[in-house]
Amino acid sequence: MTQIISKENRKNALLNFGFPKEFIENIGNIPELAYRVQDVEGAYFYLPTILNYTILNGKIIIPIYGSGESFWVLIDDNESQKIIKFELECDQIYIDYGNNWELMLMDIMIEYFDDHIDDEISIEKFQSVANKIGFSKAEALFKLRNLSIDEYNEKYEDMELWRNEIAQELKILN
């Protein structure tokens, strides 16, 4: 049976899964990530209307956060739990994080870095945002992303490969 965990039980369910308390408490309240990590109001509005999606059907669903029409949820099918990203009006998983919440947080920080690449964001500012989501590997991630323009553009051509290399370097992926 498909079930959405209530707003009242959501935080505890995410904490029990292992998400950092800082992240859960700050979702939707981080000005620097205002457009990237939004509260779950939209998820609680839309999810009941799309429970027939194959990716959600028969699962326990715990909304994590939203961003426009994209949602990150923890799904449980009584055999395994995994974090997924999907979009409204598309019964497809865009990103499957497995049970690796740290990989999801890394992606948030990569997007934040890339959003501010032209601003020459400082490592202190980057770490400040990372602290708000409980991401402990900000300094190393910053150094792996803060490349010369030529190196950055070269790596950017195969973003998925670069992401995986970074995740392995940070020991987020094996």
Protein backbone atom coordinates (compact mmCIF):
# COMPACT_ATOMS: atom_id res chain seq x y z
CA MET A 1 0.00 0.00 0.00
CA THR A 2 1.30 3.43 -0.94
CA GLN A 3 1.61 5.77 2.02
CA ILE A 4 2.98 9.28 2.52
CA ILE A 5 4.55 9.86 5.92
CA SER A 6 2.83 12.80 7.60
CA LYS A 7 4.54 16.15 8.09
CA GLU A 8 4.48 15.51 11.83
CA ASN A 9 6.43 12.24 11.49
CA ARG A 10 8.65 13.29 8.59
CA LYS A 11 11.55 14.78 10.56
CA ASN A 12 11.91 11.77 12.84
CA ALA A 13 11.75 9.37 9.89
CA LEU A 14 14.54 11.28 8.11
CA LEU A 15 16.64 11.46 11.29
CA ASN A 16 16.19 7.73 11.81
CA PHE A 17 17.41 7.15 8.26
CA GLY A 18 20.59 9.07 9.10
CA PHE A 19 20.17 12.53 7.61
CA PRO A 20 22.02 15.25 9.53
CA LYS A 21 19.81 17.17 11.93
CA GLU A 22 21.13 20.48 10.54
CA PHE A 23 19.91 19.59 7.07
CA ILE A 24 16.44 18.53 8.14
CA GLU A 25 15.93 21.56 10.37
CA ASN A 26 17.15 24.01 7.70
CA ILE A 27 15.27 22.72 4.65
CA GLY A 28 13.54 25.72 3.09
CA ASN A 29 15.30 28.15 5.43
CA ILE A 30 18.70 28.62 3.80
CA PRO A 31 18.75 31.88 1.82
CA GLU A 32 21.75 30.78 -0.26
CA LEU A 33 19.84 27.68 -1.39
CA ALA A 34 16.40 29.29 -1.63
CA TYR A 35 15.74 28.02 -5.15
CA ARG A 36 17.53 24.70 -4.74
CA VAL A 37 16.33 23.34 -1.40
CA GLN A 38 12.73 24.33 -0.79
CA ASP A 39 10.37 23.13 1.89
CA VAL A 40 8.09 20.15 1.33
CA GLU A 41 4.76 21.97 1.06
CA GLY A 42 4.65 21.29 -2.68
CA ALA A 43 5.38 17.60 -2.14
CA TYR A 44 2.51 17.25 0.30
CA PHE A 45 0.24 19.01 -2.18
CA TYR A 46 1.24 17.05 -5.31
CA LEU A 47 2.21 13.61 -4.03
CA PRO A 48 -1.34 12.51 -3.23
CA THR A 49 -2.28 13.21 -6.86
CA ILE A 50 0.49 11.07 -8.36
CA LEU A 51 0.56 7.98 -6.14
CA ASN A 52 -0.17 5.88 -9.21
CA TYR A 53 3.34 6.58 -10.56
CA THR A 54 5.19 3.28 -10.83
CA ILE A 55 8.16 4.74 -8.96
CA LEU A 56 5.92 5.51 -5.96
CA ASN A 57 3.25 2.83 -6.12
CA GLY A 58 3.25 0.44 -3.18
CA LYS A 59 5.90 2.37 -1.26
CA ILE A 60 6.14 4.39 1.90
CA ILE A 61 7.13 7.90 0.82
CA ILE A 62 8.96 10.42 2.98
CA PRO A 63 9.35 13.83 1.30
CA ILE A 64 12.81 15.29 1.82
CA TYR A 65 12.68 18.57 -0.11
CA GLY A 66 11.53 20.12 -3.34
CA SER A 67 12.81 22.46 -6.01
CA GLY A 68 10.15 23.73 -8.37
CA GLU A 69 8.55 20.65 -9.92
CA SER A 70 11.34 18.32 -8.77
CA PHE A 71 11.13 16.34 -5.56
CA TRP A 72 13.61 14.37 -3.51
CA VAL A 73 11.96 11.65 -1.48
CA LEU A 74 12.97 8.67 0.58
CA ILE A 75 11.02 5.62 -0.53
CA ASP A 76 10.66 2.37 1.37
CA ASP A 77 9.24 -0.79 -0.15
CA ASN A 78 9.67 -2.87 3.05
CA GLU A 79 12.77 -4.48 1.52
CA SER A 80 14.98 -1.45 1.00
CA GLN A 81 15.04 2.29 1.35
CA LYS A 82 16.42 4.69 -1.22
CA ILE A 83 16.53 8.36 -1.99
CA ILE A 84 15.28 9.40 -5.39
CA LYS A 85 14.78 12.57 -7.38
CA PHE A 86 11.85 12.76 -9.78
CA GLU A 87 9.74 15.39 -11.48
CA LEU A 88 6.02 15.95 -11.72
CA GLU A 89 4.30 14.62 -14.82
CA CYS A 90 7.10 12.13 -15.38
CA ASP A 91 7.00 8.63 -13.91
CA GLN A 92 10.78 8.30 -14.05
CA ILE A 93 13.58 8.43 -11.53
CA TYR A 94 16.09 11.10 -12.51
CA ILE A 95 18.60 10.31 -9.82
CA ASP A 96 18.73 7.23 -7.61
CA TYR A 97 20.97 7.89 -4.62
CA GLY A 98 20.39 4.49 -3.08
CA ASN A 99 20.67 5.04 0.64
CA ASN A 100 23.53 7.55 0.25
CA TRP A 101 22.27 10.83 1.71
CA GLU A 102 25.81 12.18 1.68
CA LEU A 103 25.85 11.94 -2.13
CA MET A 104 22.64 13.97 -2.25
CA LEU A 105 24.19 16.66 -0.01
CA MET A 106 27.29 16.69 -2.20
CA ASP A 107 25.09 17.33 -5.25
CA ILE A 108 23.43 20.26 -3.47
CA MET A 109 26.85 21.76 -2.73
CA ILE A 110 28.09 21.17 -6.28
CA GLU A 111 25.05 22.99 -7.64
CA TYR A 112 25.61 25.82 -5.16
CA PHE A 113 29.26 26.11 -6.22
CA ASP A 114 28.35 26.06 -9.93
CA ASP A 115 25.59 28.64 -9.40
CA HIS A 116 28.23 31.02 -8.03
CA ILE A 117 31.19 30.16 -10.22
CA ASP A 118 31.26 33.69 -11.67
CA ASP A 119 30.99 35.26 -8.21
CA GLU A 120 34.27 33.70 -7.10
CA ILE A 121 32.66 32.34 -3.96
CA SER A 122 34.97 32.12 -0.98
CA ILE A 123 35.74 28.87 0.76
CA GLU A 124 34.42 30.41 4.00
CA LYS A 125 31.04 31.18 2.42
CA PHE A 126 30.94 27.71 0.86
CA GLN A 127 31.68 26.07 4.20
CA SER A 128 29.07 28.22 5.91
CA VAL A 129 26.37 26.92 3.57
CA ALA A 130 27.67 23.35 3.91
CA ASN A 131 27.43 23.63 7.71
CA LYS A 132 23.75 24.57 7.38
CA ILE A 133 23.05 21.25 5.65
CA GLY A 134 25.44 19.13 7.70
CA PHE A 135 27.85 18.45 4.83
CA SER A 136 31.24 17.88 6.45
CA LYS A 137 33.38 17.59 3.32
CA ALA A 138 32.98 21.15 2.05
CA GLU A 139 36.63 22.16 2.15
CA ALA A 140 37.74 19.15 0.10
CA LEU A 141 34.81 19.55 -2.32
CA PHE A 142 35.63 23.24 -2.79
CA LYS A 143 39.22 22.39 -3.71
CA LEU A 144 38.06 19.72 -6.18
CA ARG A 145 35.66 22.17 -7.92
CA ASN A 146 37.74 25.36 -7.71
CA LEU A 147 39.79 24.79 -10.86
CA SER A 148 41.20 27.06 -13.51
CA ILE A 149 38.67 28.04 -16.20
CA ASP A 150 40.24 25.68 -18.73
CA GLU A 151 40.30 22.73 -16.32
CA TYR A 152 36.76 23.44 -15.17
CA ASN A 153 35.43 23.61 -18.75
CA GLU A 154 37.23 20.41 -19.67
CA LYS A 155 35.81 18.52 -16.68
CA TYR A 156 32.37 20.08 -17.22
CA GLU A 157 32.09 18.34 -20.61
CA ASP A 158 31.45 15.03 -18.82
CA MET A 159 29.67 16.21 -15.69
CA GLU A 160 28.57 12.75 -14.55
CA LEU A 161 32.09 11.36 -14.72
CA TRP A 162 33.45 14.38 -12.85
CA ARG A 163 30.75 14.06 -10.20
CA ASN A 164 31.61 10.39 -9.66
CA GLU A 165 35.34 11.14 -9.51
CA ILE A 166 34.69 13.77 -6.84
CA ALA A 167 32.42 11.44 -4.88
CA GLN A 168 35.09 8.75 -4.93
CA GLU A 169 37.80 11.22 -3.90
CA LEU A 170 35.60 12.36 -0.99
CA LYS A 171 34.92 8.69 -0.10
CA ILE A 172 31.19 9.17 -0.64
CA LEU A 173 31.22 6.54 -3.38
CA ASN A 174 33.47 3.51 -3.52
